[in-house]
Amino acid sequence: MNKKGLEILSEMDVQNLTALIEKLEASSFNFLKLENEDYKIVIGKNGVIESSETEKQTVQVAAETPVESKTQEIQYQEAAATEEQAVIEEAPSNTSKEIPAIQEGIEIIKAPMAGLFYAQSEPGAPPYVKVGDQVEEKTTVGLIEVMKVYSAIHAGVKGEIVDIHVEDAQLVEYGQPLFSVKVK
């Protein structure tokens, strides 16, 4: 693996990726995509999710100690774990994919990143929003947790919540619809 790839993956990153892989394995999702300004990570079940947008460096999670090779793979061994692969890519400048509204006047609030979606601020607290609630652009509609960091999701539109597409503590993908809002 080249030096840039090694700088991206610290020991803590590897531990966090391992935890994400375990959560992915336990879920019904086939892949998980995380990205920021510097990199994009895609973790997939049963093979790599290919993308022709950018150059890739492959990190295969299957052995415990990093090993350099010509194919730029680092292997990590996990006891009784199934083979998972993660792709680290440089993030493209514009990755937003518009999901068309199902009906005219309906806007979809989408997940701004992959992670665990939370509908309320803490267990037992009321949800941020429910069907029928009025929202403003800056209304918090939920949280997404990525590697123990919680990010608030704002409605971004003024209107009424007409549908909730995800459940509390559900793993969501980047761009996945979370809420439908009837625009005012």
Protein backbone atom coordinates (compact mmCIF):
# COMPACT_ATOMS: atom_id res chain seq x y z
CA MET A 1 0.00 0.00 0.00
CA ASN A 2 1.40 3.43 -0.76
CA LYS A 3 2.11 5.98 1.99
CA LYS A 4 -1.07 7.95 1.28
CA GLY A 5 -3.20 4.85 1.94
CA LEU A 6 -1.34 4.10 5.17
CA GLU A 7 -1.86 7.66 6.41
CA ILE A 8 -5.60 7.33 5.85
CA LEU A 9 -5.93 4.15 7.94
CA SER A 10 -4.71 4.52 11.53
CA GLU A 11 -5.09 1.71 14.05
CA MET A 12 -8.20 3.48 15.40
CA ASP A 13 -9.61 3.71 11.87
CA VAL A 14 -9.09 -0.03 11.40
CA GLN A 15 -10.91 -0.72 14.67
CA ASN A 16 -13.78 1.57 13.68
CA LEU A 17 -13.97 -0.02 10.22
CA THR A 18 -14.06 -3.45 11.86
CA ALA A 19 -16.99 -2.33 14.04
CA LEU A 20 -18.80 -0.95 10.96
CA ILE A 21 -18.19 -4.20 9.09
CA GLU A 22 -19.69 -6.18 11.98
CA LYS A 23 -22.76 -3.90 11.97
CA LEU A 24 -23.04 -4.23 8.19
CA GLU A 25 -22.77 -8.02 8.41
CA ALA A 26 -25.62 -8.11 10.94
CA SER A 27 -27.79 -5.84 8.77
CA SER A 28 -29.78 -6.52 5.61
CA PHE A 29 -27.72 -3.98 3.62
CA ASN A 30 -25.20 -5.08 0.98
CA PHE A 31 -22.83 -2.13 1.33
CA LEU A 32 -22.03 0.97 3.33
CA LYS A 33 -20.51 4.15 1.88
CA LEU A 34 -18.80 6.81 4.04
CA GLU A 35 -17.20 9.90 2.61
CA ASN A 36 -15.75 13.24 3.55
CA GLU A 37 -13.64 15.87 1.78
CA ASP A 38 -10.50 13.68 1.79
CA TYR A 39 -11.73 10.15 1.08
CA LYS A 40 -14.65 7.82 0.46
CA ILE A 41 -14.93 4.34 1.99
CA VAL A 42 -17.30 1.70 0.62
CA ILE A 43 -17.70 -1.51 2.61
CA GLY A 44 -19.52 -4.29 0.78
CA LYS A 45 -20.60 -7.85 1.39
CA ASN A 46 -19.29 -10.54 -0.97
CA GLY A 47 -17.02 -8.34 -3.05
CA VAL A 48 -16.15 -4.79 -3.85
CA ILE A 49 -18.71 -2.32 -5.13
CA GLU A 50 -17.07 -0.96 -8.28
CA SER A 51 -17.09 2.69 -9.24
CA SER A 52 -15.48 4.18 -12.32
CA GLU A 53 -15.60 7.75 -10.90
CA THR A 54 -12.18 7.78 -9.21
CA GLU A 55 -8.94 5.90 -8.64
CA LYS A 56 -9.23 3.20 -6.00
CA GLN A 57 -7.02 1.57 -3.42
CA THR A 58 -8.46 -1.71 -2.14
CA VAL A 59 -8.31 -2.63 1.53
CA GLN A 60 -9.42 -6.20 2.13
CA VAL A 61 -10.49 -6.97 5.71
CA ALA A 62 -9.35 -10.54 6.38
CA ALA A 63 -6.02 -10.59 8.35
CA GLU A 64 -4.74 -8.95 11.57
CA THR A 65 -1.36 -7.51 10.53
CA PRO A 66 -0.92 -5.15 7.54
CA VAL A 67 1.01 -6.67 4.61
CA GLU A 68 2.17 -4.67 1.57
CA SER A 69 1.70 -6.24 -1.87
CA LYS A 70 1.74 -5.25 -5.53
CA THR A 71 -2.07 -5.07 -5.60
CA GLN A 72 -1.98 -2.55 -2.73
CA GLU A 73 -4.04 -4.77 -0.40
CA ILE A 74 -3.82 -4.74 3.40
CA GLN A 75 -5.28 -7.87 4.95
CA TYR A 76 -6.67 -8.19 8.49
CA GLN A 77 -7.70 -11.55 9.99
CA GLU A 78 -10.89 -11.69 12.05
CA ALA A 79 -11.84 -14.92 13.78
CA ALA A 80 -14.90 -16.52 12.14
CA ALA A 81 -15.61 -13.39 10.10
CA THR A 82 -16.80 -13.57 6.52
CA GLU A 83 -14.70 -11.85 3.88
CA GLU A 84 -15.60 -8.18 3.47
CA GLN A 85 -13.94 -5.60 1.28
CA ALA A 86 -13.65 -1.84 1.63
CA VAL A 87 -12.73 0.52 -1.15
CA ILE A 88 -11.02 3.80 -0.32
CA GLU A 89 -11.44 6.38 -3.03
CA GLU A 90 -10.72 10.05 -3.32
CA ALA A 91 -14.10 11.75 -2.99
CA PRO A 92 -15.42 13.24 -6.23
CA SER A 93 -16.16 16.97 -6.12
CA ASN A 94 -19.92 16.54 -6.58
CA THR A 95 -21.51 13.25 -5.55
CA SER A 96 -25.11 14.32 -4.95
CA LYS A 97 -27.61 12.09 -6.71
CA GLU A 98 -31.05 13.58 -6.98
CA ILE A 99 -33.92 11.24 -6.18
CA PRO A 100 -37.02 12.45 -7.99
CA ALA A 101 -39.99 13.31 -5.80
CA ILE A 102 -42.69 10.65 -5.92
CA GLN A 103 -45.43 13.27 -6.20
CA GLU A 104 -45.42 16.89 -7.21
CA GLY A 105 -44.96 19.14 -4.19
CA ILE A 106 -43.20 16.41 -2.19
CA GLU A 107 -39.53 16.83 -1.26
CA ILE A 108 -37.41 13.94 -0.02
CA ILE A 109 -35.02 14.50 2.90
CA LYS A 110 -32.08 12.19 2.20
CA ALA A 111 -29.28 10.89 4.41
CA PRO A 112 -26.27 13.21 4.00
CA MET A 113 -23.93 10.35 4.97
CA ALA A 114 -23.99 6.65 5.78
CA GLY A 115 -24.34 5.64 9.42
CA LEU A 116 -26.88 4.83 12.11
CA PHE A 117 -30.02 6.98 12.00
CA TYR A 118 -31.58 8.06 15.28
CA ALA A 119 -35.10 9.53 15.40
CA GLN A 120 -34.67 11.02 18.90
CA SER A 121 -31.93 12.66 20.96
CA GLU A 122 -31.70 9.79 23.47
CA PRO A 123 -33.50 6.51 24.22
CA GLY A 124 -36.97 7.17 25.61
CA ALA A 125 -37.09 10.76 24.38
CA PRO A 126 -39.82 11.80 21.94
CA PRO A 127 -38.83 11.69 18.25
CA TYR A 128 -37.61 14.88 16.63
CA VAL A 129 -40.51 14.72 14.14
CA LYS A 130 -43.49 12.52 13.34
CA VAL A 131 -45.97 12.37 10.45
CA GLY A 132 -48.05 15.55 10.41
CA ASP A 133 -45.41 17.76 12.04
CA GLN A 134 -44.62 21.12 10.46
CA VAL A 135 -40.91 21.69 9.77
CA GLU A 136 -38.77 24.68 8.83
CA GLU A 137 -35.49 24.59 6.91
CA LYS A 138 -33.43 24.44 10.11
CA THR A 139 -35.67 21.96 11.99
CA THR A 140 -33.67 18.96 13.23
CA VAL A 141 -35.40 15.81 11.97
CA GLY A 142 -32.90 13.21 13.22
CA LEU A 143 -29.28 12.30 13.90
CA ILE A 144 -26.77 10.12 12.06
CA GLU A 145 -23.95 8.49 14.02
CA VAL A 146 -20.70 7.66 12.27
CA MET A 147 -17.79 6.38 14.38
CA LYS A 148 -19.27 7.81 17.62
CA VAL A 149 -19.79 11.25 16.04
CA TYR A 150 -23.40 12.43 15.87
CA SER A 151 -24.49 14.80 13.09
CA ALA A 152 -27.85 16.57 13.11
CA ILE A 153 -30.00 16.24 10.00
CA HIS A 154 -31.98 19.39 9.17
CA ALA A 155 -35.14 19.41 7.07
CA GLY A 156 -33.76 21.90 4.54
CA VAL A 157 -37.30 22.64 3.42
CA LYS A 158 -40.45 24.23 4.89
CA GLY A 159 -43.48 21.95 4.97
CA GLU A 160 -45.26 19.02 6.61
CA ILE A 161 -43.78 15.56 7.25
CA VAL A 162 -46.00 13.16 5.27
CA ASP A 163 -43.91 9.96 5.48
CA ILE A 164 -41.01 8.53 7.47
CA HIS A 165 -38.99 6.00 5.47
CA VAL A 166 -36.60 4.75 8.19
CA GLU A 167 -36.81 3.48 11.75
CA ASP A 168 -34.86 4.53 14.81
CA ALA A 169 -31.36 2.98 15.09
CA GLN A 170 -31.47 1.83 11.46
CA LEU A 171 -28.30 1.72 9.35
CA VAL A 172 -28.76 4.13 6.44
CA GLU A 173 -26.79 4.67 3.25
CA TYR A 174 -25.66 7.96 1.73
CA GLY A 175 -28.57 9.47 -0.22
CA GLN A 176 -31.16 7.08 1.22
CA PRO A 177 -34.61 8.70 1.61
CA LEU A 178 -35.41 9.43 5.26
CA PHE A 179 -38.54 11.61 5.14
CA SER A 180 -41.09 12.90 2.63
CA VAL A 181 -42.16 16.52 3.14
CA LYS A 182 -45.14 18.26 1.52
CA VAL A 183 -43.66 21.63 0.60
CA LYS A 184 -45.49 24.82 1.61
